[in-house]
Amino acid sequence: MGNYSSIIDIFDNETEEIYCNSCNSLITKPSKNSTSINMQCSECNKLTQEYYHNTCYHNHMENNFQNGFVCSKCVHSNPIETTEIIS
């Protein structure tokens, strides 16, 4: 089983609500504005199904794809460490 991404068309059940894994906003029709991915995370090594708005997906990949795909759970559980400068 390989990794894949696609434009989502998962709204078979009209009552099903899908939320973006990046911004946590509701993904609504049309589905051309959204992306579904099924990839293995390079951090936790788990195969994950995630849903994104296209702009959120672009931002996620730009910020979290340096050494392979990183799932949103790993991104949110490992905040970027900041260094304090003491003057």
PDB file of N, CA and C in Angstrom:
ATOM      1  N   MET A   1       0.847  -1.161   0.000  1.00  0.00           N
ATOM      2  CA  MET A   1       0.000   0.000   0.000  1.00  0.00           C
ATOM      3  C   MET A   1       0.895   1.227   0.000  1.00  0.00           C
ATOM      4  N   GLY A   2       0.683   2.134  -0.918  1.00  0.00           N
ATOM      5  CA  GLY A   2       1.519   3.310  -1.032  1.00  0.00           C
ATOM      6  C   GLY A   2       0.839   4.554  -0.516  1.00  0.00           C
ATOM      7  N   ASN A   3       1.564   5.650  -0.549  1.00  0.00           N
ATOM      8  CA  ASN A   3       1.019   6.942  -0.149  1.00  0.00           C
ATOM      9  C   ASN A   3       0.280   7.557  -1.316  1.00  0.00           C
ATOM     10  N   TYR A   4      -0.773   8.313  -1.026  1.00  0.00           N
ATOM     11  CA  TYR A   4      -1.468   9.007  -2.099  1.00  0.00           C
ATOM     12  C   TYR A   4      -2.147  10.263  -1.579  1.00  0.00           C
ATOM     13  N   SER A   5      -2.444  11.174  -2.483  1.00  0.00           N
ATOM     14  CA  SER A   5      -3.259  12.340  -2.173  1.00  0.00           C
ATOM     15  C   SER A   5      -4.206  12.536  -3.343  1.00  0.00           C
ATOM     16  N   SER A   6      -5.366  13.110  -3.058  1.00  0.00           N
ATOM     17  CA  SER A   6      -6.345  13.322  -4.112  1.00  0.00           C
ATOM     18  C   SER A   6      -7.320  14.403  -3.709  1.00  0.00           C
ATOM     19  N   ILE A   7      -8.043  14.902  -4.699  1.00  0.00           N
ATOM     20  CA  ILE A   7      -9.162  15.798  -4.427  1.00  0.00           C
ATOM     21  C   ILE A   7     -10.251  14.932  -3.816  1.00  0.00           C
ATOM     22  N   ILE A   8     -10.805  15.384  -2.690  1.00  0.00           N
ATOM     23  CA  ILE A   8     -11.745  14.519  -1.999  1.00  0.00           C
ATOM     24  C   ILE A   8     -13.148  14.613  -2.579  1.00  0.00           C
ATOM     25  N   ASP A   9     -13.789  13.485  -2.591  1.00  0.00           N
ATOM     26  CA  ASP A   9     -15.195  13.381  -2.977  1.00  0.00           C
ATOM     27  C   ASP A   9     -15.814  12.371  -2.026  1.00  0.00           C
ATOM     28  N   ILE A  10     -15.877  12.758  -0.755  1.00  0.00           N
ATOM     29  CA  ILE A  10     -16.260  11.825   0.298  1.00  0.00           C
ATOM     30  C   ILE A  10     -17.612  12.165   0.907  1.00  0.00           C
ATOM     31  N   PHE A  11     -18.348  13.061   0.290  1.00  0.00           N
ATOM     32  CA  PHE A  11     -19.584  13.533   0.867  1.00  0.00           C
ATOM     33  C   PHE A  11     -20.776  12.689   0.430  1.00  0.00           C
ATOM     34  N   ASP A  12     -20.642  11.355   0.513  1.00  0.00           N
ATOM     35  CA  ASP A  12     -21.750  10.472   0.181  1.00  0.00           C
ATOM     36  C   ASP A  12     -22.891  10.648   1.170  1.00  0.00           C
ATOM     37  N   ASN A  13     -22.541  10.788   2.438  1.00  0.00           N
ATOM     38  CA  ASN A  13     -23.521  10.981   3.490  1.00  0.00           C
ATOM     39  C   ASN A  13     -23.595  12.474   3.773  1.00  0.00           C
ATOM     40  N   GLU A  14     -24.724  13.091   3.491  1.00  0.00           N
ATOM     41  CA  GLU A  14     -24.857  14.543   3.625  1.00  0.00           C
ATOM     42  C   GLU A  14     -24.671  15.023   5.060  1.00  0.00           C
ATOM     43  N   THR A  15     -24.840  14.152   6.063  1.00  0.00           N
ATOM     44  CA  THR A  15     -24.699  14.574   7.449  1.00  0.00           C
ATOM     45  C   THR A  15     -23.268  14.458   7.950  1.00  0.00           C
ATOM     46  N   GLU A  16     -22.382  13.823   7.169  1.00  0.00           N
ATOM     47  CA  GLU A  16     -20.997  13.665   7.592  1.00  0.00           C
ATOM     48  C   GLU A  16     -20.272  15.001   7.500  1.00  0.00           C
ATOM     49  N   GLU A  17     -19.585  15.362   8.589  1.00  0.00           N
ATOM     50  CA  GLU A  17     -18.814  16.591   8.603  1.00  0.00           C
ATOM     51  C   GLU A  17     -17.337  16.244   8.643  1.00  0.00           C
ATOM     52  N   ILE A  18     -16.567  16.862   7.771  1.00  0.00           N
ATOM     53  CA  ILE A  18     -15.134  16.642   7.682  1.00  0.00           C
ATOM     54  C   ILE A  18     -14.444  17.955   8.043  1.00  0.00           C
ATOM     55  N   TYR A  19     -13.455  17.861   8.921  1.00  0.00           N
ATOM     56  CA  TYR A  19     -12.724  19.045   9.351  1.00  0.00           C
ATOM     57  C   TYR A  19     -11.284  18.995   8.860  1.00  0.00           C
ATOM     58  N   CYS A  20     -10.762  20.148   8.519  1.00  0.00           N
ATOM     59  CA  CYS A  20      -9.385  20.285   8.058  1.00  0.00           C
ATOM     60  C   CYS A  20      -8.437  19.959   9.212  1.00  0.00           C
ATOM     61  N   ASN A  21      -7.453  19.098   8.960  1.00  0.00           N
ATOM     62  CA  ASN A  21      -6.495  18.719   9.995  1.00  0.00           C
ATOM     63  C   ASN A  21      -5.514  19.837  10.334  1.00  0.00           C
ATOM     64  N   SER A  22      -5.496  20.890   9.548  1.00  0.00           N
ATOM     65  CA  SER A  22      -4.591  21.996   9.805  1.00  0.00           C
ATOM     66  C   SER A  22      -5.282  23.128  10.561  1.00  0.00           C
ATOM     67  N   CYS A  23      -6.406  23.616  10.054  1.00  0.00           N
ATOM     68  CA  CYS A  23      -7.070  24.777  10.657  1.00  0.00           C
ATOM     69  C   CYS A  23      -8.302  24.413  11.485  1.00  0.00           C
ATOM     70  N   ASN A  24      -8.704  23.158  11.465  1.00  0.00           N
ATOM     71  CA  ASN A  24      -9.867  22.648  12.197  1.00  0.00           C
ATOM     72  C   ASN A  24     -11.186  23.279  11.775  1.00  0.00           C
ATOM     73  N   SER A  25     -11.244  23.870  10.594  1.00  0.00           N
ATOM     74  CA  SER A  25     -12.486  24.417  10.057  1.00  0.00           C
ATOM     75  C   SER A  25     -13.187  23.352   9.234  1.00  0.00           C
ATOM     76  N   LEU A  26     -14.499  23.464   9.151  1.00  0.00           N
ATOM     77  CA  LEU A  26     -15.309  22.529   8.383  1.00  0.00           C
ATOM     78  C   LEU A  26     -14.957  22.612   6.901  1.00  0.00           C
ATOM     79  N   ILE A  27     -14.782  21.451   6.290  1.00  0.00           N
ATOM     80  CA  ILE A  27     -14.562  21.379   4.842  1.00  0.00           C
ATOM     81  C   ILE A  27     -15.929  21.183   4.207  1.00  0.00           C
ATOM     82  N   THR A  28     -16.300  22.103   3.330  1.00  0.00           N
ATOM     83  CA  THR A  28     -17.609  22.036   2.688  1.00  0.00           C
ATOM     84  C   THR A  28     -17.447  21.862   1.190  1.00  0.00           C
ATOM     85  N   LYS A  29     -18.530  21.549   0.528  1.00  0.00           N
ATOM     86  CA  LYS A  29     -18.503  21.430  -0.927  1.00  0.00           C
ATOM     87  C   LYS A  29     -18.182  22.776  -1.525  1.00  0.00           C
ATOM     88  N   PRO A  30     -17.620  22.900  -2.702  1.00  0.00           N
ATOM     89  CA  PRO A  30     -17.247  21.820  -3.599  1.00  0.00           C
ATOM     90  C   PRO A  30     -15.957  21.149  -3.166  1.00  0.00           C
ATOM     91  N   SER A  31     -15.837  19.886  -3.456  1.00  0.00           N
ATOM     92  CA  SER A  31     -14.696  19.098  -3.021  1.00  0.00           C
ATOM     93  C   SER A  31     -13.401  19.477  -3.748  1.00  0.00           C
ATOM     94  N   LYS A  32     -13.497  20.247  -4.817  1.00  0.00           N
ATOM     95  CA  LYS A  32     -12.289  20.666  -5.543  1.00  0.00           C
ATOM     96  C   LYS A  32     -11.430  21.600  -4.705  1.00  0.00           C
ATOM     97  N   ASN A  33     -11.981  22.114  -3.614  1.00  0.00           N
ATOM     98  CA  ASN A  33     -11.237  23.009  -2.741  1.00  0.00           C
ATOM     99  C   ASN A  33     -10.566  22.268  -1.595  1.00  0.00           C
ATOM    100  N   SER A  34     -10.569  20.930  -1.627  1.00  0.00           N
ATOM    101  CA  SER A  34     -10.043  20.134  -0.535  1.00  0.00           C
ATOM    102  C   SER A  34      -9.166  19.000  -1.043  1.00  0.00           C
ATOM    103  N   THR A  35      -8.305  18.523  -0.162  1.00  0.00           N
ATOM    104  CA  THR A  35      -7.404  17.432  -0.490  1.00  0.00           C
ATOM    105  C   THR A  35      -7.468  16.376   0.598  1.00  0.00           C
ATOM    106  N   SER A  36      -7.489  15.131   0.180  1.00  0.00           N
ATOM    107  CA  SER A  36      -7.440  13.997   1.100  1.00  0.00           C
ATOM    108  C   SER A  36      -6.103  13.308   0.896  1.00  0.00           C
ATOM    109  N   ILE A  37      -5.425  12.989   1.991  1.00  0.00           N
ATOM    110  CA  ILE A  37      -4.162  12.276   1.874  1.00  0.00           C
ATOM    111  C   ILE A  37      -4.206  11.021   2.725  1.00  0.00           C
ATOM    112  N   ASN A  38      -3.467  10.026   2.306  1.00  0.00           N
ATOM    113  CA  ASN A  38      -3.309   8.784   3.047  1.00  0.00           C
ATOM    114  C   ASN A  38      -1.827   8.452   2.952  1.00  0.00           C
ATOM    115  N   MET A  39      -1.059   8.912   3.947  1.00  0.00           N
ATOM    116  CA  MET A  39       0.396   8.794   3.888  1.00  0.00           C
ATOM    117  C   MET A  39       0.948   8.290   5.213  1.00  0.00           C
ATOM    118  N   GLN A  40       2.143   7.734   5.135  1.00  0.00           N
ATOM    119  CA  GLN A  40       2.847   7.310   6.333  1.00  0.00           C
ATOM    120  C   GLN A  40       3.655   8.488   6.856  1.00  0.00           C
ATOM    121  N   CYS A  41       3.488   8.768   8.136  1.00  0.00           N
ATOM    122  CA  CYS A  41       4.200   9.870   8.779  1.00  0.00           C
ATOM    123  C   CYS A  41       5.660   9.476   8.984  1.00  0.00           C
ATOM    124  N   SER A  42       6.565  10.384   8.670  1.00  0.00           N
ATOM    125  CA  SER A  42       7.989  10.110   8.837  1.00  0.00           C
ATOM    126  C   SER A  42       8.423  10.190  10.293  1.00  0.00           C
ATOM    127  N   GLU A  43       7.580  10.748  11.172  1.00  0.00           N
ATOM    128  CA  GLU A  43       7.917  10.857  12.593  1.00  0.00           C
ATOM    129  C   GLU A  43       7.402   9.659  13.385  1.00  0.00           C
ATOM    130  N   CYS A  44       6.085   9.356  13.279  1.00  0.00           N
ATOM    131  CA  CYS A  44       5.499   8.273  14.083  1.00  0.00           C
ATOM    132  C   CYS A  44       5.371   6.971  13.296  1.00  0.00           C
ATOM    133  N   ASN A  45       5.648   7.015  11.996  1.00  0.00           N
ATOM    134  CA  ASN A  45       5.592   5.848  11.099  1.00  0.00           C
ATOM    135  C   ASN A  45       4.212   5.216  10.985  1.00  0.00           C
ATOM    136  N   LYS A  46       3.149   5.969  11.314  1.00  0.00           N
ATOM    137  CA  LYS A  46       1.789   5.458  11.176  1.00  0.00           C
ATOM    138  C   LYS A  46       1.186   5.944   9.864  1.00  0.00           C
ATOM    139  N   LEU A  47       0.412   5.067   9.226  1.00  0.00           N
ATOM    140  CA  LEU A  47      -0.328   5.451   8.033  1.00  0.00           C
ATOM    141  C   LEU A  47      -1.528   6.262   8.497  1.00  0.00           C
ATOM    142  N   THR A  48      -1.693   7.454   7.964  1.00  0.00           N
ATOM    143  CA  THR A  48      -2.741   8.342   8.439  1.00  0.00           C
ATOM    144  C   THR A  48      -3.581   8.870   7.298  1.00  0.00           C
ATOM    145  N   GLN A  49      -4.882   9.008   7.539  1.00  0.00           N
ATOM    146  CA  GLN A  49      -5.821   9.611   6.589  1.00  0.00           C
ATOM    147  C   GLN A  49      -6.123  10.999   7.118  1.00  0.00           C
ATOM    148  N   GLU A  50      -5.820  12.023   6.342  1.00  0.00           N
ATOM    149  CA  GLU A  50      -6.069  13.394   6.759  1.00  0.00           C
ATOM    150  C   GLU A  50      -6.752  14.165   5.638  1.00  0.00           C
ATOM    151  N   TYR A  51      -7.441  15.226   6.021  1.00  0.00           N
ATOM    152  CA  TYR A  51      -8.194  16.067   5.096  1.00  0.00           C
ATOM    153  C   TYR A  51      -7.762  17.512   5.296  1.00  0.00           C
ATOM    154  N   TYR A  52      -7.581  18.223   4.186  1.00  0.00           N
ATOM    155  CA  TYR A  52      -7.115  19.606   4.230  1.00  0.00           C
ATOM    156  C   TYR A  52      -7.853  20.454   3.200  1.00  0.00           C
ATOM    157  N   HIS A  53      -7.997  21.767   3.510  1.00  0.00           N
ATOM    158  CA  HIS A  53      -8.316  22.726   2.465  1.00  0.00           C
ATOM    159  C   HIS A  53      -7.059  22.801   1.601  1.00  0.00           C
ATOM    160  N   ASN A  54      -7.197  23.084   0.335  1.00  0.00           N
ATOM    161  CA  ASN A  54      -6.026  23.109  -0.544  1.00  0.00           C
ATOM    162  C   ASN A  54      -4.951  24.083  -0.065  1.00  0.00           C
ATOM    163  N   THR A  55      -5.355  25.264   0.406  1.00  0.00           N
ATOM    164  CA  THR A  55      -4.374  26.239   0.890  1.00  0.00           C
ATOM    165  C   THR A  55      -3.705  25.749   2.179  1.00  0.00           C
ATOM    166  N   CYS A  56      -4.474  25.102   3.053  1.00  0.00           N
ATOM    167  CA  CYS A  56      -3.900  24.558   4.290  1.00  0.00           C
ATOM    168  C   CYS A  56      -2.924  23.433   3.975  1.00  0.00           C
ATOM    169  N   TYR A  57      -3.271  22.598   2.990  1.00  0.00           N
ATOM    170  CA  TYR A  57      -2.389  21.498   2.588  1.00  0.00           C
ATOM    171  C   TYR A  57      -1.074  22.045   2.042  1.00  0.00           C
ATOM    172  N   HIS A  58      -1.169  23.069   1.216  1.00  0.00           N
ATOM    173  CA  HIS A  58       0.037  23.690   0.661  1.00  0.00           C
ATOM    174  C   HIS A  58       0.919  24.226   1.788  1.00  0.00           C
ATOM    175  N   ASN A  59       0.328  24.921   2.757  1.00  0.00           N
ATOM    176  CA  ASN A  59       1.090  25.464   3.881  1.00  0.00           C
ATOM    177  C   ASN A  59       1.687  24.357   4.741  1.00  0.00           C
ATOM    178  N   HIS A  60       0.915  23.289   4.977  1.00  0.00           N
ATOM    179  CA  HIS A  60       1.395  22.159   5.778  1.00  0.00           C
ATOM    180  C   HIS A  60       2.602  21.509   5.103  1.00  0.00           C
ATOM    181  N   MET A  61       2.509  21.277   3.809  1.00  0.00           N
ATOM    182  CA  MET A  61       3.611  20.647   3.086  1.00  0.00           C
ATOM    183  C   MET A  61       4.834  21.560   3.042  1.00  0.00           C
ATOM    184  N   GLU A  62       4.614  22.851   2.879  1.00  0.00           N
ATOM    185  CA  GLU A  62       5.719  23.800   2.820  1.00  0.00           C
ATOM    186  C   GLU A  62       6.470  23.864   4.149  1.00  0.00           C
ATOM    187  N   ASN A  63       5.742  23.750   5.255  1.00  0.00           N
ATOM    188  CA  ASN A  63       6.353  23.879   6.583  1.00  0.00           C
ATOM    189  C   ASN A  63       6.758  22.560   7.224  1.00  0.00           C
ATOM    190  N   ASN A  64       6.208  21.430   6.780  1.00  0.00           N
ATOM    191  CA  ASN A  64       6.421  20.161   7.479  1.00  0.00           C
ATOM    192  C   ASN A  64       6.824  19.009   6.575  1.00  0.00           C
ATOM    193  N   PHE A  65       7.469  19.288   5.473  1.00  0.00           N
ATOM    194  CA  PHE A  65       7.836  18.219   4.548  1.00  0.00           C
ATOM    195  C   PHE A  65       9.326  18.251   4.214  1.00  0.00           C
ATOM    196  N   GLN A  66      10.139  18.706   5.160  1.00  0.00           N
ATOM    197  CA  GLN A  66      11.569  18.806   4.884  1.00  0.00           C
ATOM    198  C   GLN A  66      12.200  17.421   4.732  1.00  0.00           C
ATOM    199  N   ASN A  67      11.860  16.475   5.608  1.00  0.00           N
ATOM    200  CA  ASN A  67      12.437  15.127   5.575  1.00  0.00           C
ATOM    201  C   ASN A  67      11.372  14.063   5.388  1.00  0.00           C
ATOM    202  N   GLY A  68      10.286  14.397   4.733  1.00  0.00           N
ATOM    203  CA  GLY A  68       9.168  13.487   4.534  1.00  0.00           C
ATOM    204  C   GLY A  68       7.913  14.048   5.177  1.00  0.00           C
ATOM    205  N   PHE A  69       6.788  13.443   4.844  1.00  0.00           N
ATOM    206  CA  PHE A  69       5.500  13.896   5.362  1.00  0.00           C
ATOM    207  C   PHE A  69       5.440  13.733   6.876  1.00  0.00           C
ATOM    208  N   VAL A  70       4.919  14.738   7.584  1.00  0.00           N
ATOM    209  CA  VAL A  70       4.692  14.679   9.027  1.00  0.00           C
ATOM    210  C   VAL A  70       3.204  14.919   9.255  1.00  0.00           C
ATOM    211  N   CYS A  71       2.541  13.979   9.951  1.00  0.00           N
ATOM    212  CA  CYS A  71       1.095  14.085  10.181  1.00  0.00           C
ATOM    213  C   CYS A  71       0.784  15.239  11.131  1.00  0.00           C
ATOM    214  N   SER A  72      -0.463  15.683  11.129  1.00  0.00           N
ATOM    215  CA  SER A  72      -0.852  16.820  11.963  1.00  0.00           C
ATOM    216  C   SER A  72      -0.736  16.507  13.447  1.00  0.00           C
ATOM    217  N   LYS A  73      -0.928  15.242  13.865  1.00  0.00           N
ATOM    218  CA  LYS A  73      -0.777  14.894  15.285  1.00  0.00           C
ATOM    219  C   LYS A  73       0.654  15.134  15.745  1.00  0.00           C
ATOM    220  N   CYS A  74       1.622  14.725  14.935  1.00  0.00           N
ATOM    221  CA  CYS A  74       3.029  14.936  15.294  1.00  0.00           C
ATOM    222  C   CYS A  74       3.389  16.418  15.244  1.00  0.00           C
ATOM    223  N   VAL A  75       2.848  17.149  14.302  1.00  0.00           N
ATOM    224  CA  VAL A  75       3.131  18.586  14.194  1.00  0.00           C
ATOM    225  C   VAL A  75       2.624  19.296  15.441  1.00  0.00           C
ATOM    226  N   HIS A  76       1.398  18.977  15.885  1.00  0.00           N
ATOM    227  CA  HIS A  76       0.801  19.671  17.017  1.00  0.00           C
ATOM    228  C   HIS A  76       1.333  19.178  18.355  1.00  0.00           C
ATOM    229  N   SER A  77       1.872  17.963  18.406  1.00  0.00           N
ATOM    230  CA  SER A  77       2.406  17.463  19.676  1.00  0.00           C
ATOM    231  C   SER A  77       3.872  17.832  19.872  1.00  0.00           C
ATOM    232  N   ASN A  78       4.529  18.320  18.823  1.00  0.00           N
ATOM    233  CA  ASN A  78       5.933  18.727  18.901  1.00  0.00           C
ATOM    234  C   ASN A  78       6.072  20.188  18.497  1.00  0.00           C
ATOM    235  N   PRO A  79       5.637  21.113  19.370  1.00  0.00           N
ATOM    236  CA  PRO A  79       5.742  22.528  18.986  1.00  0.00           C
ATOM    237  C   PRO A  79       7.197  22.932  18.802  1.00  0.00           C
ATOM    238  N   ILE A  80       7.384  23.921  17.962  1.00  0.00           N
ATOM    239  CA  ILE A  80       8.733  24.420  17.684  1.00  0.00           C
ATOM    240  C   ILE A  80       9.288  25.057  18.958  1.00  0.00           C
ATOM    241  N   GLU A  81      10.482  24.624  19.331  1.00  0.00           N
ATOM    242  CA  GLU A  81      11.112  25.178  20.523  1.00  0.00           C
ATOM    243  C   GLU A  81      11.709  26.540  20.190  1.00  0.00           C
ATOM    244  N   THR A  82      11.533  27.462  21.096  1.00  0.00           N
ATOM    245  CA  THR A  82      12.091  28.800  20.898  1.00  0.00           C
ATOM    246  C   THR A  82      13.202  29.024  21.914  1.00  0.00           C
ATOM    247  N   THR A  83      14.149  29.820  21.537  1.00  0.00           N
ATOM    248  CA  THR A  83      15.271  30.124  22.414  1.00  0.00           C
ATOM    249  C   THR A  83      15.130  31.551  22.906  1.00  0.00           C
ATOM    250  N   GLU A  84      15.206  31.719  24.217  1.00  0.00           N
ATOM    251  CA  GLU A  84      15.127  33.058  24.784  1.00  0.00           C
ATOM    252  C   GLU A  84      16.498  33.701  24.741  1.00  0.00           C
ATOM    253  N   ILE A  85      16.516  34.961  24.381  1.00  0.00           N
ATOM    254  CA  ILE A  85      17.760  35.726  24.394  1.00  0.00           C
ATOM    255  C   ILE A  85      17.720  36.612  25.617  1.00  0.00           C
ATOM    256  N   ILE A  86      18.667  36.398  26.500  1.00  0.00           N
ATOM    257  CA  ILE A  86      18.720  37.188  27.744  1.00  0.00           C
ATOM    258  C   ILE A  86      19.698  38.332  27.515  1.00  0.00           C
ATOM    259  N   SER A  87      19.187  39.574  27.738  1.00  0.00           N
ATOM    260  CA  SER A  87      20.064  40.718  27.539  1.00  0.00           C
ATOM    261  C   SER A  87      20.602  41.249  28.831  1.00  0.00           C
TER     262      SER A  87
END
